[in-house]
Amino acid sequence: MRRKDDVVRGAAAGVAMAATVPYLTLKVLWLAGCEVGVRDSGAMDKLWLLNLLTFGMDAIALALALAFVRPWGWRAPAGLVAFPMWVATGLLGTILVALPVSMVAGLVLGPEHRTPEQPADEGLAGWVFTLVYGGFSVQGVALITAFVLYARRRWAGLLRDRIGDLPDSPTRNVQRAFVGVAALVALGVAVARVYWAAGGTTGLPLRWVEQRTRAVATMDAVTAVMAVAAAGALLVLVFRVGPGRRLRVPLVAAWTAAGSLFAWGAWQLVAFGSSTTVPDLPSAVPGLMVLVEAGQVVAGVLILAVGAMALTERAAAAAAAAQALPAVESRG
């Protein structure tokens, strides 16, 4: 079984690395000034920093894939692997959920009817979107598969535990306070995203209202689901709801959903939500949208903090039990 897992993990990591190549190549070309696939060179000039940032993000995904198959990956500090993979799971996992939903909606509802104010692209050739999101989909499935097999081997004990096996925590009150705040913030995010997914326009830039697409509405709906799932899963863990149930189900839900909130909230703040005043009034981002994006980041950080405290305490309790076992055996 372990041999089979090793083979699958290696293959998945290899596919993930291969899937990064087209995207990284495209970013290198754009950063070098080559306008392949670009219809609006003026718009691309303004995206130099974002292109550099996304190049770095995909390069980190490549490094993660290597970590899952190389010996040094097992020796790397847990946080050095877990944090970037948490972000990657949030970004790629959300695309893996939203993309098929959007495609099914297109098949059921038919193609969208665009007005002249709604361009079919954003200054890029159509094949660019196919390459980018197709690559993200392949990369997401492969990288997450490799990580699951890596985690199942490195943290096998954690995934076998039950909710009631979590140790009594000296920081329980702090964790519960953090979870309460995170749940309230996540609920506010969910309400706002559902409103926008349903067609509401308050708090959106004027240009977004003019160019709003079904794919954007789908992303809002998925984000709302992620916000509810993250808060619910963490409440189950911190308040020990159903102590006899496996820990891995709420843990995976909290991991994925909180990663989605944090990663997409941070990305949207950096990409287009960090300023409420720009020379082009239709593109100005209202404060409500910035507040929602910031709320996603805050909820994600609070959930991350609670998870870090709980898992650190569990690791300490496991280490103490392991040290005490030889002493007990020697007395026996």
Protein backbone atom coordinates (compact mmCIF):
# COMPACT_ATOMS: atom_id res chain seq x y z
CA MET A 1 0.00 0.00 0.00
CA ARG A 2 2.78 2.38 0.93
CA ARG A 3 4.63 1.56 -2.28
CA LYS A 4 1.51 2.29 -4.30
CA ASP A 5 1.06 5.62 -2.46
CA ASP A 6 4.68 6.54 -3.22
CA VAL A 7 4.17 5.86 -6.93
CA VAL A 8 0.94 7.88 -7.07
CA ARG A 9 2.49 10.72 -5.04
CA GLY A 10 5.48 10.86 -7.38
CA ALA A 11 3.29 10.85 -10.47
CA ALA A 12 1.00 13.53 -9.06
CA ALA A 13 3.94 15.74 -8.10
CA GLY A 14 5.41 15.31 -11.59
CA VAL A 15 2.12 16.32 -13.22
CA ALA A 16 1.87 19.32 -10.90
CA MET A 17 5.38 20.44 -11.85
CA ALA A 18 4.65 20.00 -15.56
CA ALA A 19 1.42 21.99 -15.20
CA THR A 20 3.33 25.00 -13.86
CA VAL A 21 5.57 25.24 -16.93
CA PRO A 22 3.15 26.91 -19.40
CA TYR A 23 2.04 29.50 -16.84
CA LEU A 24 5.57 30.27 -15.69
CA THR A 25 6.71 30.57 -19.31
CA LEU A 26 3.89 32.97 -20.11
CA LYS A 27 4.73 35.12 -17.09
CA VAL A 28 8.42 35.22 -18.01
CA LEU A 29 7.52 36.36 -21.52
CA TRP A 30 5.23 39.09 -20.20
CA LEU A 31 7.79 40.27 -17.65
CA ALA A 32 10.38 40.41 -20.44
CA GLY A 33 8.09 42.65 -22.50
CA CYS A 34 6.88 40.06 -25.00
CA GLU A 35 3.19 40.61 -25.74
CA VAL A 36 2.27 37.07 -26.74
CA GLY A 37 -1.45 36.56 -26.21
CA VAL A 38 -1.91 40.24 -25.28
CA ARG A 39 -4.40 42.44 -27.13
CA ASP A 40 -4.06 45.53 -24.94
CA SER A 41 -0.40 46.32 -24.33
CA GLY A 42 -1.29 49.40 -22.31
CA ALA A 43 -3.23 47.35 -19.79
CA MET A 44 -0.38 44.84 -19.52
CA ASP A 45 2.08 47.61 -18.65
CA LYS A 46 0.07 48.27 -15.49
CA LEU A 47 0.19 44.62 -14.43
CA TRP A 48 3.96 44.20 -14.18
CA LEU A 49 3.97 43.89 -10.40
CA LEU A 50 1.04 41.46 -10.39
CA ASN A 51 2.73 39.35 -13.05
CA LEU A 52 5.86 39.21 -10.90
CA LEU A 53 3.79 38.25 -7.86
CA THR A 54 1.89 35.49 -9.67
CA PHE A 55 5.15 34.18 -11.13
CA GLY A 56 6.49 33.87 -7.59
CA MET A 57 3.34 32.13 -6.40
CA ASP A 58 3.53 29.51 -9.13
CA ALA A 59 7.25 29.03 -8.47
CA ILE A 60 6.37 28.25 -4.83
CA ALA A 61 3.85 25.67 -6.06
CA LEU A 62 6.66 24.09 -8.08
CA ALA A 63 8.86 23.98 -4.96
CA LEU A 64 6.03 22.36 -2.97
CA ALA A 65 5.62 19.64 -5.58
CA LEU A 66 9.35 18.91 -5.27
CA ALA A 67 9.09 18.82 -1.46
CA PHE A 68 6.50 16.06 -1.66
CA VAL A 69 8.90 13.70 -3.45
CA ARG A 70 12.41 14.68 -2.37
CA PRO A 71 14.08 13.54 0.89
CA TRP A 72 14.55 17.11 2.11
CA GLY A 73 10.77 17.55 1.96
CA TRP A 74 10.30 15.15 4.88
CA ARG A 75 12.86 17.07 6.96
CA ALA A 76 11.49 20.52 6.21
CA PRO A 77 9.79 22.27 9.16
CA ALA A 78 6.07 21.53 9.17
CA GLY A 79 5.10 25.19 8.98
CA LEU A 80 7.35 25.78 5.98
CA VAL A 81 5.37 23.18 4.06
CA ALA A 82 1.94 23.63 5.62
CA PHE A 83 1.49 27.40 5.27
CA PRO A 84 2.20 27.77 1.54
CA MET A 85 0.22 24.58 0.87
CA TRP A 86 -2.68 26.00 2.90
CA VAL A 87 -2.66 29.06 0.66
CA ALA A 88 -2.26 26.94 -2.48
CA THR A 89 -5.16 24.70 -1.45
CA GLY A 90 -7.31 27.78 -0.93
CA LEU A 91 -6.47 29.27 -4.31
CA LEU A 92 -6.50 26.12 -6.43
CA GLY A 93 -9.25 24.32 -4.52
CA THR A 94 -11.62 27.24 -5.04
CA ILE A 95 -10.95 27.18 -8.79
CA LEU A 96 -11.56 23.42 -8.83
CA VAL A 97 -14.97 24.00 -7.25
CA ALA A 98 -15.98 27.15 -9.14
CA LEU A 99 -14.85 26.13 -12.64
CA PRO A 100 -17.09 23.06 -13.09
CA VAL A 101 -20.02 24.87 -11.47
CA SER A 102 -19.59 27.73 -13.94
CA MET A 103 -19.31 25.29 -16.85
CA VAL A 104 -22.47 23.42 -15.81
CA ALA A 105 -24.30 26.74 -15.45
CA GLY A 106 -23.21 27.62 -18.98
CA LEU A 107 -24.54 24.31 -20.31
CA VAL A 108 -27.86 24.66 -18.50
CA LEU A 109 -28.46 28.38 -18.96
CA GLY A 110 -26.70 28.84 -22.28
CA PRO A 111 -24.10 31.44 -23.26
CA GLU A 112 -24.20 34.84 -21.62
CA HIS A 113 -25.57 37.77 -23.59
CA ARG A 114 -23.01 40.55 -23.47
CA THR A 115 -23.60 44.22 -24.01
CA PRO A 116 -21.01 46.37 -25.83
CA GLU A 117 -19.76 47.43 -22.37
CA GLN A 118 -19.00 43.79 -21.52
CA PRO A 119 -15.90 42.69 -23.43
CA ALA A 120 -15.45 38.97 -23.92
CA ASP A 121 -11.87 39.26 -22.71
CA GLU A 122 -9.70 41.48 -20.55
CA GLY A 123 -7.18 42.47 -23.19
CA LEU A 124 -6.00 38.87 -23.63
CA ALA A 125 -6.50 36.30 -26.38
CA GLY A 126 -9.02 33.58 -25.67
CA TRP A 127 -6.41 30.82 -25.60
CA VAL A 128 -4.68 32.51 -22.65
CA PHE A 129 -7.65 31.82 -20.40
CA THR A 130 -7.81 28.21 -21.56
CA LEU A 131 -4.09 27.75 -20.88
CA VAL A 132 -4.14 29.50 -17.51
CA TYR A 133 -7.28 27.99 -15.99
CA GLY A 134 -6.74 24.62 -17.62
CA GLY A 135 -3.25 24.60 -16.11
CA PHE A 136 -4.59 25.69 -12.72
CA SER A 137 -7.14 22.87 -12.78
CA VAL A 138 -4.54 20.20 -13.59
CA GLN A 139 -2.09 21.71 -11.13
CA GLY A 140 -4.72 21.88 -8.40
CA VAL A 141 -5.78 18.24 -8.71
CA ALA A 142 -2.19 16.98 -8.94
CA LEU A 143 -0.68 19.15 -6.20
CA ILE A 144 -3.49 18.47 -3.74
CA THR A 145 -3.29 14.73 -4.47
CA ALA A 146 0.46 14.72 -3.83
CA PHE A 147 -0.01 16.68 -0.62
CA VAL A 148 -2.74 14.39 0.68
CA LEU A 149 -0.47 11.37 0.25
CA TYR A 150 2.46 13.27 1.76
CA ALA A 151 0.36 14.35 4.77
CA ARG A 152 -1.08 10.84 5.21
CA ARG A 153 2.44 9.55 5.69
CA ARG A 154 4.00 12.44 7.63
CA TRP A 155 1.02 13.17 9.91
CA ALA A 156 -0.66 9.77 9.96
CA GLY A 157 -1.45 9.91 13.68
CA LEU A 158 -3.30 13.20 13.36
CA LEU A 159 -5.50 11.91 10.56
CA ARG A 160 -6.39 8.77 12.55
CA ASP A 161 -7.42 10.68 15.67
CA ARG A 162 -10.96 11.44 16.71
CA ILE A 163 -12.27 14.84 17.75
CA GLY A 164 -12.37 13.74 21.38
CA ASP A 165 -8.67 12.80 21.23
CA LEU A 166 -7.65 16.47 21.06
CA PRO A 167 -5.93 17.29 24.37
CA ASP A 168 -7.35 19.63 26.97
CA SER A 169 -6.03 23.00 25.98
CA PRO A 170 -4.64 25.69 28.28
CA THR A 171 -5.57 28.15 25.54
CA ARG A 172 -9.15 26.83 25.12
CA ASN A 173 -10.74 30.16 26.11
CA VAL A 174 -8.51 32.06 23.71
CA GLN A 175 -9.31 29.61 20.93
CA ARG A 176 -13.04 29.92 21.56
CA ALA A 177 -12.83 33.71 21.54
CA PHE A 178 -10.94 33.65 18.24
CA VAL A 179 -13.43 31.20 16.76
CA GLY A 180 -16.36 33.36 17.86
CA VAL A 181 -14.92 36.42 16.18
CA ALA A 182 -13.94 34.45 13.08
CA ALA A 183 -17.44 32.96 12.81
CA LEU A 184 -19.09 36.38 13.02
CA VAL A 185 -16.73 37.85 10.42
CA ALA A 186 -17.19 34.83 8.15
CA LEU A 187 -20.96 35.16 8.44
CA GLY A 188 -20.73 38.79 7.34
CA VAL A 189 -18.55 37.77 4.38
CA ALA A 190 -21.04 35.05 3.43
CA VAL A 191 -23.98 37.46 3.50
CA ALA A 192 -22.17 39.99 1.30
CA ARG A 193 -21.01 37.35 -1.19
CA VAL A 194 -24.47 35.79 -1.45
CA TYR A 195 -25.93 39.24 -2.09
CA TRP A 196 -23.44 39.86 -4.92
CA ALA A 197 -23.89 36.35 -6.32
CA ALA A 198 -27.64 36.97 -6.49
CA GLY A 199 -27.09 40.10 -8.58
CA GLY A 200 -26.72 42.82 -5.95
CA THR A 201 -24.49 45.71 -6.97
CA THR A 202 -24.08 47.81 -3.82
CA GLY A 203 -20.41 47.99 -2.87
CA LEU A 204 -19.09 46.95 -6.29
CA PRO A 205 -17.03 49.17 -8.63
CA LEU A 206 -19.13 50.68 -11.41
CA ARG A 207 -17.04 48.96 -14.04
CA TRP A 208 -17.63 45.61 -12.35
CA VAL A 209 -21.37 46.23 -12.46
CA GLU A 210 -21.14 46.90 -16.21
CA GLN A 211 -18.94 43.87 -16.91
CA ARG A 212 -20.32 41.41 -14.36
CA THR A 213 -20.27 37.80 -15.59
CA ARG A 214 -21.70 34.48 -14.46
CA ALA A 215 -18.19 33.30 -13.55
CA VAL A 216 -17.78 36.18 -11.09
CA ALA A 217 -21.16 35.42 -9.53
CA THR A 218 -20.12 31.78 -9.19
CA MET A 219 -16.93 32.80 -7.37
CA ASP A 220 -19.00 34.93 -4.98
CA ALA A 221 -21.29 31.97 -4.27
CA VAL A 222 -18.36 29.59 -3.72
CA THR A 223 -16.71 32.10 -1.36
CA ALA A 224 -19.92 32.32 0.65
CA VAL A 225 -20.00 28.52 0.99
CA MET A 226 -16.34 28.51 2.02
CA ALA A 227 -16.99 31.13 4.70
CA VAL A 228 -19.80 29.06 6.25
CA ALA A 229 -17.82 25.82 5.98
CA ALA A 230 -14.70 27.31 7.60
CA ALA A 231 -16.60 28.70 10.57
CA GLY A 232 -18.71 25.58 11.03
CA ALA A 233 -15.80 23.15 10.87
CA LEU A 234 -13.75 25.12 13.37
CA LEU A 235 -16.67 25.40 15.78
CA VAL A 236 -16.95 21.60 15.65
CA LEU A 237 -13.25 21.20 16.46
CA VAL A 238 -12.92 23.80 19.20
CA PHE A 239 -16.15 22.90 20.99
CA ARG A 240 -15.52 19.14 20.50
CA VAL A 241 -18.87 18.49 18.80
CA GLY A 242 -19.24 14.75 18.19
CA PRO A 243 -16.10 13.61 20.04
CA GLY A 244 -16.34 10.11 18.60
CA ARG A 245 -16.11 11.29 14.98
CA ARG A 246 -12.93 11.27 12.94
CA LEU A 247 -10.88 14.43 13.20
CA ARG A 248 -9.92 14.47 9.54
CA VAL A 249 -13.32 15.49 8.14
CA PRO A 250 -13.74 18.85 9.98
CA LEU A 251 -9.97 19.35 9.81
CA VAL A 252 -9.93 19.08 6.01
CA ALA A 253 -13.02 21.29 5.74
CA ALA A 254 -11.50 23.99 7.95
CA TRP A 255 -8.14 23.72 6.15
CA THR A 256 -9.60 24.12 2.66
CA ALA A 257 -12.30 26.68 3.41
CA ALA A 258 -10.14 28.91 5.62
CA GLY A 259 -7.35 28.75 3.05
CA SER A 260 -9.82 29.88 0.40
CA LEU A 261 -11.00 32.82 2.48
CA PHE A 262 -7.48 33.98 3.29
CA ALA A 263 -5.89 33.38 -0.10
CA TRP A 264 -8.61 34.94 -2.26
CA GLY A 265 -9.22 37.80 0.17
CA ALA A 266 -5.52 38.66 0.24
CA TRP A 267 -5.19 38.28 -3.52
CA GLN A 268 -8.17 40.55 -4.22
CA LEU A 269 -6.87 43.18 -1.80
CA VAL A 270 -3.50 43.19 -3.52
CA ALA A 271 -4.83 42.96 -7.07
CA PHE A 272 -7.57 45.54 -7.08
CA GLY A 273 -8.98 46.29 -3.67
CA SER A 274 -6.27 48.20 -1.85
CA SER A 275 -7.36 51.69 -2.85
CA THR A 276 -10.76 53.38 -2.91
CA THR A 277 -9.65 56.35 -5.03
CA VAL A 278 -8.25 56.06 -8.55
CA PRO A 279 -8.21 58.50 -11.47
CA ASP A 280 -10.76 56.36 -13.33
CA LEU A 281 -13.94 56.74 -11.27
CA PRO A 282 -15.75 53.68 -12.71
CA SER A 283 -12.84 51.51 -11.53
CA ALA A 284 -12.79 52.91 -7.99
CA VAL A 285 -13.30 50.19 -5.38
CA PRO A 286 -15.95 51.10 -2.77
CA GLY A 287 -15.09 50.68 0.87
CA LEU A 288 -17.63 47.87 1.35
CA MET A 289 -15.80 45.61 -1.07
CA VAL A 290 -12.48 46.30 0.64
CA LEU A 291 -14.13 45.59 3.99
CA VAL A 292 -15.42 42.20 2.77
CA GLU A 293 -12.02 41.25 1.36
CA ALA A 294 -10.31 42.32 4.58
CA GLY A 295 -12.90 40.31 6.52
CA GLN A 296 -11.91 37.20 4.57
CA VAL A 297 -8.27 37.73 5.49
CA VAL A 298 -9.08 38.37 9.16
CA ALA A 299 -11.27 35.27 9.41
CA GLY A 300 -8.59 33.18 7.72
CA VAL A 301 -5.84 34.46 10.02
CA LEU A 302 -7.92 33.81 13.15
CA ILE A 303 -8.71 30.27 12.02
CA LEU A 304 -5.03 29.73 11.21
CA ALA A 305 -4.07 30.95 14.68
CA VAL A 306 -6.54 28.60 16.37
CA GLY A 307 -5.34 25.68 14.25
CA ALA A 308 -1.70 26.45 15.03
CA MET A 309 -2.39 26.58 18.79
CA ALA A 310 -4.39 23.35 18.79
CA LEU A 311 -1.94 21.37 16.67
CA THR A 312 1.09 22.66 18.60
CA GLU A 313 -0.51 21.56 21.87
CA ARG A 314 -1.39 18.19 20.37
CA ALA A 315 2.20 17.70 19.21
CA ALA A 316 3.51 18.64 22.66
CA ALA A 317 1.10 16.18 24.34
CA ALA A 318 2.13 13.41 21.93
CA ALA A 319 5.82 14.08 22.57
CA ALA A 320 5.29 14.02 26.34
CA ALA A 321 3.41 10.71 26.07
CA ALA A 322 6.19 9.23 23.95
CA GLN A 323 8.81 10.23 26.52
CA ALA A 324 6.79 8.83 29.40
CA LEU A 325 6.24 5.41 27.73
CA PRO A 326 9.83 4.09 28.11
CA ALA A 327 9.84 5.06 31.78
CA VAL A 328 6.58 3.19 32.37
CA GLU A 329 7.89 0.11 30.50
CA SER A 330 11.15 0.11 32.48
CA ARG A 331 9.25 0.16 35.79
CA GLY A 332 7.05 -2.66 34.51
